[in-house]
């Protein structure tokens, strides 16, 4: 395999890997988790950072600090937003990726 093909293969691997990963977000707090079909009001949105494409969190990867104690029921959506993908496109070269959690209070 030529040097050019090796470089292209490595870049392709990094690009694809920047959109894959394990990225665990710990969902907790004292509130009851409800079905994803229930509507709610967004109370928080937080981006979580990881190295090794989601294998190791950089810092606290828990939703606890963002859930007020007054919330009784909540729904959490974890996503890779367009911004997360854009960031990971560049930071994925050094194995850093991010994911976003949106926290909704359900009445």
PDB file of N, CA and C in Angstrom:
ATOM      1  N   UNK A   1       0.855  -1.174   0.000  1.00  0.00           N
ATOM      2  CA  UNK A   1       0.000   0.000   0.000  1.00  0.00           C
ATOM      3  C   UNK A   1       0.896   1.230   0.000  1.00  0.00           C
ATOM      4  N   UNK A   2       0.603   2.162  -0.888  1.00  0.00           N
ATOM      5  CA  UNK A   2       1.398   3.372  -0.992  1.00  0.00           C
ATOM      6  C   UNK A   2       1.164   4.303   0.182  1.00  0.00           C
ATOM      7  N   UNK A   3       2.098   5.229   0.326  1.00  0.00           N
ATOM      8  CA  UNK A   3       2.019   6.185   1.438  1.00  0.00           C
ATOM      9  C   UNK A   3       0.748   7.026   1.358  1.00  0.00           C
ATOM     10  N   UNK A   4       0.389   7.420   0.154  1.00  0.00           N
ATOM     11  CA  UNK A   4      -0.811   8.250  -0.020  1.00  0.00           C
ATOM     12  C   UNK A   4      -2.078   7.498   0.381  1.00  0.00           C
ATOM     13  N   UNK A   5      -2.188   6.237  -0.022  1.00  0.00           N
ATOM     14  CA  UNK A   5      -3.351   5.427   0.344  1.00  0.00           C
ATOM     15  C   UNK A   5      -3.416   5.203   1.848  1.00  0.00           C
ATOM     16  N   UNK A   6      -2.271   5.049   2.475  1.00  0.00           N
ATOM     17  CA  UNK A   6      -2.226   4.865   3.921  1.00  0.00           C
ATOM     18  C   UNK A   6      -2.724   6.125   4.635  1.00  0.00           C
ATOM     19  N   UNK A   7      -2.317   7.279   4.183  1.00  0.00           N
ATOM     20  CA  UNK A   7      -2.754   8.550   4.778  1.00  0.00           C
ATOM     21  C   UNK A   7      -4.250   8.742   4.578  1.00  0.00           C
ATOM     22  N   UNK A   8      -4.744   8.451   3.383  1.00  0.00           N
ATOM     23  CA  UNK A   8      -6.178   8.580   3.101  1.00  0.00           C
ATOM     24  C   UNK A   8      -6.978   7.613   3.966  1.00  0.00           C
ATOM     25  N   UNK A   9      -6.488   6.390   4.115  1.00  0.00           N
ATOM     26  CA  UNK A   9      -7.165   5.401   4.955  1.00  0.00           C
ATOM     27  C   UNK A   9      -7.210   5.850   6.415  1.00  0.00           C
ATOM     28  N   UNK A  10      -6.099   6.397   6.905  1.00  0.00           N
ATOM     29  CA  UNK A  10      -6.048   6.876   8.297  1.00  0.00           C
ATOM     30  C   UNK A  10      -7.005   8.047   8.492  1.00  0.00           C
ATOM     31  N   UNK A  11      -7.046   8.977   7.555  1.00  0.00           N
ATOM     32  CA  UNK A  11      -7.959  10.116   7.659  1.00  0.00           C
ATOM     33  C   UNK A  11      -9.415   9.666   7.601  1.00  0.00           C
ATOM     34  N   UNK A  12      -9.716   8.716   6.745  1.00  0.00           N
ATOM     35  CA  UNK A  12     -11.073   8.182   6.649  1.00  0.00           C
ATOM     36  C   UNK A  12     -11.474   7.485   7.957  1.00  0.00           C
ATOM     37  N   UNK A  13     -10.545   6.735   8.542  1.00  0.00           N
ATOM     38  CA  UNK A  13     -10.794   6.079   9.823  1.00  0.00           C
ATOM     39  C   UNK A  13     -11.111   7.106  10.911  1.00  0.00           C
ATOM     40  N   UNK A  14     -10.324   8.164  10.986  1.00  0.00           N
ATOM     41  CA  UNK A  14     -10.546   9.210  11.993  1.00  0.00           C
ATOM     42  C   UNK A  14     -11.876   9.908  11.750  1.00  0.00           C
ATOM     43  N   UNK A  15     -12.208  10.187  10.505  1.00  0.00           N
ATOM     44  CA  UNK A  15     -13.462  10.858  10.177  1.00  0.00           C
ATOM     45  C   UNK A  15     -14.660  10.008  10.579  1.00  0.00           C
ATOM     46  N   UNK A  16     -14.648   8.746  10.220  1.00  0.00           N
ATOM     47  CA  UNK A  16     -15.750   7.853  10.561  1.00  0.00           C
ATOM     48  C   UNK A  16     -15.816   7.650  12.069  1.00  0.00           C
ATOM     49  N   UNK A  17     -14.676   7.486  12.714  1.00  0.00           N
ATOM     50  CA  UNK A  17     -14.635   7.259  14.155  1.00  0.00           C
ATOM     51  C   UNK A  17     -15.132   8.457  14.947  1.00  0.00           C
ATOM     52  N   UNK A  18     -15.020   9.647  14.384  1.00  0.00           N
ATOM     53  CA  UNK A  18     -15.461  10.838  15.116  1.00  0.00           C
ATOM     54  C   UNK A  18     -16.977  10.863  15.289  1.00  0.00           C
ATOM     55  N   UNK A  19     -17.706  10.043  14.523  1.00  0.00           N
ATOM     56  CA  UNK A  19     -19.161   9.985  14.655  1.00  0.00           C
ATOM     57  C   UNK A  19     -19.639   8.723  15.364  1.00  0.00           C
ATOM     58  N   UNK A  20     -18.725   7.900  15.843  1.00  0.00           N
ATOM     59  CA  UNK A  20     -19.062   6.671  16.546  1.00  0.00           C
ATOM     60  C   UNK A  20     -18.557   6.755  17.974  1.00  0.00           C
ATOM     61  N   UNK A  21     -19.072   5.938  18.838  1.00  0.00           N
ATOM     62  CA  UNK A  21     -18.541   5.894  20.197  1.00  0.00           C
ATOM     63  C   UNK A  21     -19.552   5.380  21.195  1.00  0.00           C
ATOM     64  N   UNK A  22     -19.101   5.274  22.431  1.00  0.00           N
ATOM     65  CA  UNK A  22     -19.920   4.722  23.496  1.00  0.00           C
ATOM     66  C   UNK A  22     -20.602   5.805  24.318  1.00  0.00           C
ATOM     67  N   UNK A  23     -19.999   6.936  24.495  1.00  0.00           N
ATOM     68  CA  UNK A  23     -20.522   8.132  25.151  1.00  0.00           C
ATOM     69  C   UNK A  23     -21.671   7.905  26.125  1.00  0.00           C
ATOM     70  N   UNK A  24     -21.375   7.426  27.306  1.00  0.00           N
ATOM     71  CA  UNK A  24     -22.380   7.196  28.336  1.00  0.00           C
ATOM     72  C   UNK A  24     -22.694   8.494  29.063  1.00  0.00           C
ATOM     73  N   UNK A  25     -23.975   8.796  29.207  1.00  0.00           N
ATOM     74  CA  UNK A  25     -24.423   9.930  30.004  1.00  0.00           C
ATOM     75  C   UNK A  25     -25.256   9.350  31.146  1.00  0.00           C
ATOM     76  N   UNK A  26     -24.840   9.647  32.366  1.00  0.00           N
ATOM     77  CA  UNK A  26     -25.543   9.124  33.547  1.00  0.00           C
ATOM     78  C   UNK A  26     -26.761   9.998  33.825  1.00  0.00           C
ATOM     79  N   UNK A  27     -27.927   9.376  33.842  1.00  0.00           N
ATOM     80  CA  UNK A  27     -29.177  10.083  34.120  1.00  0.00           C
ATOM     81  C   UNK A  27     -29.616   9.698  35.513  1.00  0.00           C
ATOM     82  N   UNK A  28     -29.821  10.711  36.351  1.00  0.00           N
ATOM     83  CA  UNK A  28     -30.187  10.409  37.726  1.00  0.00           C
ATOM     84  C   UNK A  28     -31.039  11.503  38.327  1.00  0.00           C
ATOM     85  N   UNK A  29     -30.790  11.769  39.571  1.00  0.00           N
ATOM     86  CA  UNK A  29     -31.597  12.739  40.299  1.00  0.00           C
ATOM     87  C   UNK A  29     -32.710  12.027  41.037  1.00  0.00           C
ATOM     88  N   UNK A  30     -33.524  12.793  41.736  1.00  0.00           N
ATOM     89  CA  UNK A  30     -34.619  12.215  42.518  1.00  0.00           C
ATOM     90  C   UNK A  30     -35.925  12.156  41.742  1.00  0.00           C
ATOM     91  N   UNK A  31     -35.948  12.671  40.543  1.00  0.00           N
ATOM     92  CA  UNK A  31     -37.174  12.698  39.749  1.00  0.00           C
ATOM     93  C   UNK A  31     -37.421  11.346  39.089  1.00  0.00           C
ATOM     94  N   UNK A  32     -38.677  11.116  38.758  1.00  0.00           N
ATOM     95  CA  UNK A  32     -39.089   9.894  38.059  1.00  0.00           C
ATOM     96  C   UNK A  32     -38.877  10.095  36.562  1.00  0.00           C
ATOM     97  N   UNK A  33     -38.242   9.126  35.901  1.00  0.00           N
ATOM     98  CA  UNK A  33     -38.093   9.165  34.447  1.00  0.00           C
ATOM     99  C   UNK A  33     -39.390   8.702  33.798  1.00  0.00           C
ATOM    100  N   UNK A  34     -39.819   9.402  32.767  1.00  0.00           N
ATOM    101  CA  UNK A  34     -41.060   9.052  32.088  1.00  0.00           C
ATOM    102  C   UNK A  34     -40.779   8.675  30.643  1.00  0.00           C
ATOM    103  N   UNK A  35     -41.790   8.206  29.975  1.00  0.00           N
ATOM    104  CA  UNK A  35     -41.701   7.760  28.591  1.00  0.00           C
ATOM    105  C   UNK A  35     -41.243   8.886  27.673  1.00  0.00           C
ATOM    106  N   UNK A  36     -40.525   8.520  26.634  1.00  0.00           N
ATOM    107  CA  UNK A  36     -40.043   9.518  25.671  1.00  0.00           C
ATOM    108  C   UNK A  36     -41.183  10.142  24.865  1.00  0.00           C
ATOM    109  N   UNK A  37     -42.359   9.546  24.914  1.00  0.00           N
ATOM    110  CA  UNK A  37     -43.491  10.095  24.173  1.00  0.00           C
ATOM    111  C   UNK A  37     -44.193  11.234  24.924  1.00  0.00           C
ATOM    112  N   UNK A  38     -43.893  11.400  26.208  1.00  0.00           N
ATOM    113  CA  UNK A  38     -44.542  12.452  26.993  1.00  0.00           C
ATOM    114  C   UNK A  38     -43.893  13.802  26.715  1.00  0.00           C
ATOM    115  N   UNK A  39     -44.749  14.810  26.543  1.00  0.00           N
ATOM    116  CA  UNK A  39     -44.275  16.165  26.270  1.00  0.00           C
ATOM    117  C   UNK A  39     -43.783  16.816  27.549  1.00  0.00           C
ATOM    118  N   UNK A  40     -42.847  17.731  27.396  1.00  0.00           N
ATOM    119  CA  UNK A  40     -42.323  18.430  28.552  1.00  0.00           C
ATOM    120  C   UNK A  40     -41.731  19.773  28.156  1.00  0.00           C
ATOM    121  N   UNK A  41     -41.285  20.501  29.159  1.00  0.00           N
ATOM    122  CA  UNK A  41     -40.659  21.805  28.964  1.00  0.00           C
ATOM    123  C   UNK A  41     -39.162  21.649  29.194  1.00  0.00           C
ATOM    124  N   UNK A  42     -38.355  22.099  28.211  1.00  0.00           N
ATOM    125  CA  UNK A  42     -36.910  21.969  28.343  1.00  0.00           C
ATOM    126  C   UNK A  42     -36.426  22.848  29.492  1.00  0.00           C
ATOM    127  N   UNK A  43     -35.689  22.231  30.435  1.00  0.00           N
ATOM    128  CA  UNK A  43     -35.159  22.985  31.559  1.00  0.00           C
ATOM    129  C   UNK A  43     -33.637  23.086  31.514  1.00  0.00           C
ATOM    130  N   UNK A  44     -32.994  22.233  30.720  1.00  0.00           N
ATOM    131  CA  UNK A  44     -31.531  22.284  30.640  1.00  0.00           C
ATOM    132  C   UNK A  44     -31.050  21.577  29.379  1.00  0.00           C
ATOM    133  N   UNK A  45     -29.894  21.999  28.922  1.00  0.00           N
ATOM    134  CA  UNK A  45     -29.203  21.348  27.808  1.00  0.00           C
ATOM    135  C   UNK A  45     -27.725  21.398  28.141  1.00  0.00           C
ATOM    136  N   UNK A  46     -27.062  20.257  28.073  1.00  0.00           N
ATOM    137  CA  UNK A  46     -25.654  20.206  28.452  1.00  0.00           C
ATOM    138  C   UNK A  46     -24.871  19.364  27.457  1.00  0.00           C
ATOM    139  N   UNK A  47     -23.689  19.846  27.105  1.00  0.00           N
ATOM    140  CA  UNK A  47     -22.787  19.105  26.212  1.00  0.00           C
ATOM    141  C   UNK A  47     -21.770  18.371  27.079  1.00  0.00           C
ATOM    142  N   UNK A  48     -21.559  17.113  26.789  1.00  0.00           N
ATOM    143  CA  UNK A  48     -20.602  16.283  27.511  1.00  0.00           C
ATOM    144  C   UNK A  48     -19.461  15.915  26.579  1.00  0.00           C
ATOM    145  N   UNK A  49     -18.239  15.918  27.102  1.00  0.00           N
ATOM    146  CA  UNK A  49     -17.035  15.689  26.314  1.00  0.00           C
ATOM    147  C   UNK A  49     -16.400  14.355  26.679  1.00  0.00           C
ATOM    148  N   UNK A  50     -15.827  13.690  25.668  1.00  0.00           N
ATOM    149  CA  UNK A  50     -15.224  12.373  25.839  1.00  0.00           C
ATOM    150  C   UNK A  50     -13.934  12.274  25.036  1.00  0.00           C
ATOM    151  N   UNK A  51     -13.030  11.414  25.500  1.00  0.00           N
ATOM    152  CA  UNK A  51     -11.844  11.063  24.715  1.00  0.00           C
ATOM    153  C   UNK A  51     -11.986   9.621  24.272  1.00  0.00           C
ATOM    154  N   UNK A  52     -11.136   9.225  23.370  1.00  0.00           N
ATOM    155  CA  UNK A  52     -11.171   7.886  22.775  1.00  0.00           C
ATOM    156  C   UNK A  52     -12.541   7.598  22.186  1.00  0.00           C
ATOM    157  N   UNK A  53     -13.101   8.595  21.480  1.00  0.00           N
ATOM    158  CA  UNK A  53     -14.369   8.510  20.764  1.00  0.00           C
ATOM    159  C   UNK A  53     -15.532   8.088  21.651  1.00  0.00           C
ATOM    160  N   UNK A  54     -15.561   8.566  22.869  1.00  0.00           N
ATOM    161  CA  UNK A  54     -16.679   8.307  23.759  1.00  0.00           C
ATOM    162  C   UNK A  54     -16.414   7.280  24.834  1.00  0.00           C
ATOM    163  N   UNK A  55     -15.257   6.692  24.836  1.00  0.00           N
ATOM    164  CA  UNK A  55     -14.955   5.654  25.812  1.00  0.00           C
ATOM    165  C   UNK A  55     -14.725   6.216  27.213  1.00  0.00           C
ATOM    166  N   UNK A  56     -14.041   7.365  27.311  1.00  0.00           N
ATOM    167  CA  UNK A  56     -13.684   7.939  28.606  1.00  0.00           C
ATOM    168  C   UNK A  56     -14.251   9.354  28.707  1.00  0.00           C
ATOM    169  N   UNK A  57     -15.130   9.617  29.701  1.00  0.00           N
ATOM    170  CA  UNK A  57     -15.670  10.969  29.842  1.00  0.00           C
ATOM    171  C   UNK A  57     -14.611  11.941  30.373  1.00  0.00           C
ATOM    172  N   UNK A  58     -14.670  13.174  29.887  1.00  0.00           N
ATOM    173  CA  UNK A  58     -13.817  14.237  30.411  1.00  0.00           C
ATOM    174  C   UNK A  58     -14.648  15.017  31.422  1.00  0.00           C
ATOM    175  N   UNK A  59     -14.522  14.687  32.672  1.00  0.00           N
ATOM    176  CA  UNK A  59     -15.311  15.350  33.705  1.00  0.00           C
ATOM    177  C   UNK A  59     -16.557  14.565  34.051  1.00  0.00           C
ATOM    178  N   UNK A  60     -17.455  15.218  34.781  1.00  0.00           N
ATOM    179  CA  UNK A  60     -18.693  14.593  35.249  1.00  0.00           C
ATOM    180  C   UNK A  60     -19.653  14.420  34.077  1.00  0.00           C
ATOM    181  N   UNK A  61     -20.105  13.214  33.834  1.00  0.00           N
ATOM    182  CA  UNK A  61     -21.037  12.961  32.735  1.00  0.00           C
ATOM    183  C   UNK A  61     -22.438  12.651  33.259  1.00  0.00           C
ATOM    184  N   UNK A  62     -22.797  13.272  34.383  1.00  0.00           N
ATOM    185  CA  UNK A  62     -24.082  13.059  35.021  1.00  0.00           C
ATOM    186  C   UNK A  62     -25.011  14.248  34.772  1.00  0.00           C
ATOM    187  N   UNK A  63     -26.303  13.964  34.704  1.00  0.00           N
ATOM    188  CA  UNK A  63     -27.297  15.036  34.552  1.00  0.00           C
ATOM    189  C   UNK A  63     -27.715  15.622  35.897  1.00  0.00           C
ATOM    190  N   UNK A  64     -27.304  15.026  37.009  1.00  0.00           N
ATOM    191  CA  UNK A  64     -27.743  15.446  38.349  1.00  0.00           C
ATOM    192  C   UNK A  64     -27.627  16.945  38.619  1.00  0.00           C
ATOM    193  N   UNK A  65     -26.509  17.604  38.294  1.00  0.00           N
ATOM    194  CA  UNK A  65     -26.394  19.028  38.623  1.00  0.00           C
ATOM    195  C   UNK A  65     -27.379  19.924  37.863  1.00  0.00           C
ATOM    196  N   UNK A  66     -27.999  19.422  36.824  1.00  0.00           N
ATOM    197  CA  UNK A  66     -28.873  20.236  35.976  1.00  0.00           C
ATOM    198  C   UNK A  66     -30.357  19.996  36.234  1.00  0.00           C
ATOM    199  N   UNK A  67     -30.661  19.126  37.194  1.00  0.00           N
ATOM    200  CA  UNK A  67     -32.055  18.814  37.519  1.00  0.00           C
ATOM    201  C   UNK A  67     -32.409  19.481  38.844  1.00  0.00           C
ATOM    202  N   UNK A  68     -33.265  20.494  38.809  1.00  0.00           N
ATOM    203  CA  UNK A  68     -33.673  21.143  40.069  1.00  0.00           C
ATOM    204  C   UNK A  68     -34.398  20.152  40.985  1.00  0.00           C
ATOM    205  N   UNK A  69     -34.268  20.336  42.282  1.00  0.00           N
ATOM    206  CA  UNK A  69     -34.893  19.418  43.239  1.00  0.00           C
ATOM    207  C   UNK A  69     -36.421  19.484  43.195  1.00  0.00           C
ATOM    208  N   UNK A  70     -36.974  20.567  42.626  1.00  0.00           N
ATOM    209  CA  UNK A  70     -38.433  20.706  42.546  1.00  0.00           C
ATOM    210  C   UNK A  70     -39.058  19.852  41.438  1.00  0.00           C
ATOM    211  N   UNK A  71     -38.241  19.327  40.535  1.00  0.00           N
ATOM    212  CA  UNK A  71     -38.750  18.525  39.416  1.00  0.00           C
ATOM    213  C   UNK A  71     -39.126  17.130  39.914  1.00  0.00           C
ATOM    214  N   UNK A  72     -40.362  16.719  39.624  1.00  0.00           N
ATOM    215  CA  UNK A  72     -40.862  15.406  40.062  1.00  0.00           C
ATOM    216  C   UNK A  72     -40.786  14.357  38.961  1.00  0.00           C
ATOM    217  N   UNK A  73     -41.035  14.779  37.696  1.00  0.00           N
ATOM    218  CA  UNK A  73     -40.975  13.868  36.547  1.00  0.00           C
ATOM    219  C   UNK A  73     -40.131  14.529  35.470  1.00  0.00           C
ATOM    220  N   UNK A  74     -39.330  13.724  34.785  1.00  0.00           N
ATOM    221  CA  UNK A  74     -38.506  14.288  33.717  1.00  0.00           C
ATOM    222  C   UNK A  74     -38.266  13.281  32.608  1.00  0.00           C
ATOM    223  N   UNK A  75     -37.855  13.840  31.496  1.00  0.00           N
ATOM    224  CA  UNK A  75     -37.479  13.051  30.317  1.00  0.00           C
ATOM    225  C   UNK A  75     -36.137  13.587  29.859  1.00  0.00           C
ATOM    226  N   UNK A  76     -35.214  12.716  29.485  1.00  0.00           N
ATOM    227  CA  UNK A  76     -33.891  13.119  29.023  1.00  0.00           C
ATOM    228  C   UNK A  76     -33.668  12.557  27.634  1.00  0.00           C
ATOM    229  N   UNK A  77     -33.259  13.417  26.715  1.00  0.00           N
ATOM    230  CA  UNK A  77     -32.905  12.990  25.361  1.00  0.00           C
ATOM    231  C   UNK A  77     -31.415  13.195  25.167  1.00  0.00           C
ATOM    232  N   UNK A  78     -30.728  12.146  24.756  1.00  0.00           N
ATOM    233  CA  UNK A  78     -29.313  12.275  24.432  1.00  0.00           C
ATOM    234  C   UNK A  78     -29.174  12.198  22.922  1.00  0.00           C
ATOM    235  N   UNK A  79     -28.471  13.158  22.380  1.00  0.00           N
ATOM    236  CA  UNK A  79     -28.351  13.239  20.930  1.00  0.00           C
ATOM    237  C   UNK A  79     -26.951  13.674  20.519  1.00  0.00           C
ATOM    238  N   UNK A  80     -26.675  13.478  19.272  1.00  0.00           N
ATOM    239  CA  UNK A  80     -25.513  14.095  18.649  1.00  0.00           C
ATOM    240  C   UNK A  80     -26.078  15.177  17.750  1.00  0.00           C
ATOM    241  N   UNK A  81     -25.996  16.420  18.185  1.00  0.00           N
ATOM    242  CA  UNK A  81     -26.544  17.530  17.419  1.00  0.00           C
ATOM    243  C   UNK A  81     -25.634  17.852  16.238  1.00  0.00           C
ATOM    244  N   UNK A  82     -26.120  18.707  15.365  1.00  0.00           N
ATOM    245  CA  UNK A  82     -25.306  19.146  14.232  1.00  0.00           C
ATOM    246  C   UNK A  82     -24.016  19.792  14.731  1.00  0.00           C
ATOM    247  N   UNK A  83     -24.126  20.618  15.775  1.00  0.00           N
ATOM    248  CA  UNK A  83     -22.946  21.281  16.349  1.00  0.00           C
ATOM    249  C   UNK A  83     -21.983  20.250  16.924  1.00  0.00           C
ATOM    250  N   UNK A  84     -22.516  19.221  17.614  1.00  0.00           N
ATOM    251  CA  UNK A  84     -21.668  18.140  18.145  1.00  0.00           C
ATOM    252  C   UNK A  84     -20.892  17.464  17.012  1.00  0.00           C
ATOM    253  N   UNK A  85     -21.598  17.177  15.924  1.00  0.00           N
ATOM    254  CA  UNK A  85     -20.952  16.543  14.773  1.00  0.00           C
ATOM    255  C   UNK A  85     -19.887  17.422  14.165  1.00  0.00           C
ATOM    256  N   UNK A  86     -20.166  18.711  14.069  1.00  0.00           N
ATOM    257  CA  UNK A  86     -19.196  19.663  13.512  1.00  0.00           C
ATOM    258  C   UNK A  86     -17.960  19.748  14.405  1.00  0.00           C
ATOM    259  N   UNK A  87     -18.178  19.847  15.702  1.00  0.00           N
ATOM    260  CA  UNK A  87     -17.048  19.890  16.643  1.00  0.00           C
ATOM    261  C   UNK A  87     -16.242  18.605  16.546  1.00  0.00           C
ATOM    262  N   UNK A  88     -16.934  17.465  16.566  1.00  0.00           N
ATOM    263  CA  UNK A  88     -16.261  16.168  16.534  1.00  0.00           C
ATOM    264  C   UNK A  88     -15.519  15.931  15.227  1.00  0.00           C
ATOM    265  N   UNK A  89     -15.972  16.563  14.172  1.00  0.00           N
ATOM    266  CA  UNK A  89     -15.287  16.437  12.890  1.00  0.00           C
ATOM    267  C   UNK A  89     -13.843  16.911  13.017  1.00  0.00           C
ATOM    268  N   UNK A  90     -13.644  17.985  13.781  1.00  0.00           N
ATOM    269  CA  UNK A  90     -12.294  18.534  13.948  1.00  0.00           C
ATOM    270  C   UNK A  90     -11.562  17.921  15.147  1.00  0.00           C
ATOM    271  N   UNK A  91     -12.260  17.736  16.256  1.00  0.00           N
ATOM    272  CA  UNK A  91     -11.595  17.213  17.452  1.00  0.00           C
ATOM    273  C   UNK A  91     -11.438  15.690  17.414  1.00  0.00           C
ATOM    274  N   UNK A  92     -12.163  15.026  16.522  1.00  0.00           N
ATOM    275  CA  UNK A  92     -12.055  13.575  16.400  1.00  0.00           C
ATOM    276  C   UNK A  92     -10.668  13.124  15.987  1.00  0.00           C
ATOM    277  N   UNK A  93      -9.914  14.015  15.386  1.00  0.00           N
ATOM    278  CA  UNK A  93      -8.543  13.684  14.975  1.00  0.00           C
ATOM    279  C   UNK A  93      -7.710  13.300  16.187  1.00  0.00           C
ATOM    280  N   UNK A  94      -7.992  13.944  17.333  1.00  0.00           N
ATOM    281  CA  UNK A  94      -7.283  13.617  18.574  1.00  0.00           C
ATOM    282  C   UNK A  94      -8.194  12.841  19.517  1.00  0.00           C
ATOM    283  N   UNK A  95      -9.178  12.160  18.979  1.00  0.00           N
ATOM    284  CA  UNK A  95     -10.130  11.252  19.640  1.00  0.00           C
ATOM    285  C   UNK A  95     -11.103  11.929  20.600  1.00  0.00           C
ATOM    286  N   UNK A  96     -11.276  13.247  20.533  1.00  0.00           N
ATOM    287  CA  UNK A  96     -12.211  13.947  21.419  1.00  0.00           C
ATOM    288  C   UNK A  96     -13.543  14.122  20.696  1.00  0.00           C
ATOM    289  N   UNK A  97     -14.641  13.719  21.354  1.00  0.00           N
ATOM    290  CA  UNK A  97     -15.980  13.873  20.796  1.00  0.00           C
ATOM    291  C   UNK A  97     -16.911  14.444  21.859  1.00  0.00           C
ATOM    292  N   UNK A  98     -18.100  14.810  21.442  1.00  0.00           N
ATOM    293  CA  UNK A  98     -19.077  15.333  22.401  1.00  0.00           C
ATOM    294  C   UNK A  98     -20.479  14.857  22.044  1.00  0.00           C
ATOM    295  N   UNK A  99     -21.353  14.864  23.062  1.00  0.00           N
ATOM    296  CA  UNK A  99     -22.768  14.525  22.929  1.00  0.00           C
ATOM    297  C   UNK A  99     -23.555  15.534  23.740  1.00  0.00           C
ATOM    298  N   UNK A 100     -24.820  15.691  23.416  1.00  0.00           N
ATOM    299  CA  UNK A 100     -25.670  16.646  24.119  1.00  0.00           C
ATOM    300  C   UNK A 100     -26.832  15.924  24.781  1.00  0.00           C
ATOM    301  N   UNK A 101     -27.152  16.344  26.008  1.00  0.00           N
ATOM    302  CA  UNK A 101     -28.328  15.843  26.723  1.00  0.00           C
ATOM    303  C   UNK A 101     -29.292  17.007  26.901  1.00  0.00           C
ATOM    304  N   UNK A 102     -30.546  16.790  26.535  1.00  0.00           N
ATOM    305  CA  UNK A 102     -31.599  17.773  26.746  1.00  0.00           C
ATOM    306  C   UNK A 102     -32.521  17.221  27.823  1.00  0.00           C
ATOM    307  N   UNK A 103     -32.768  18.037  28.865  1.00  0.00           N
ATOM    308  CA  UNK A 103     -33.554  17.599  30.012  1.00  0.00           C
ATOM    309  C   UNK A 103     -34.882  18.355  30.002  1.00  0.00           C
ATOM    310  N   UNK A 104     -35.977  17.596  30.058  1.00  0.00           N
ATOM    311  CA  UNK A 104     -37.328  18.163  30.003  1.00  0.00           C
ATOM    312  C   UNK A 104     -38.081  17.839  31.285  1.00  0.00           C
ATOM    313  N   UNK A 105     -38.750  18.834  31.845  1.00  0.00           N
ATOM    314  CA  UNK A 105     -39.640  18.608  32.975  1.00  0.00           C
ATOM    315  C   UNK A 105     -41.007  18.253  32.431  1.00  0.00           C
ATOM    316  N   UNK A 106     -41.597  17.192  32.952  1.00  0.00           N
ATOM    317  CA  UNK A 106     -42.911  16.730  32.523  1.00  0.00           C
ATOM    318  C   UNK A 106     -43.876  16.973  33.676  1.00  0.00           C
ATOM    319  N   UNK A 107     -44.988  17.632  33.377  1.00  0.00           N
ATOM    320  CA  UNK A 107     -45.995  17.940  34.426  1.00  0.00           C
ATOM    321  C   UNK A 107     -46.982  16.813  34.585  1.00  0.00           C
TER     322      UNK A 107
END
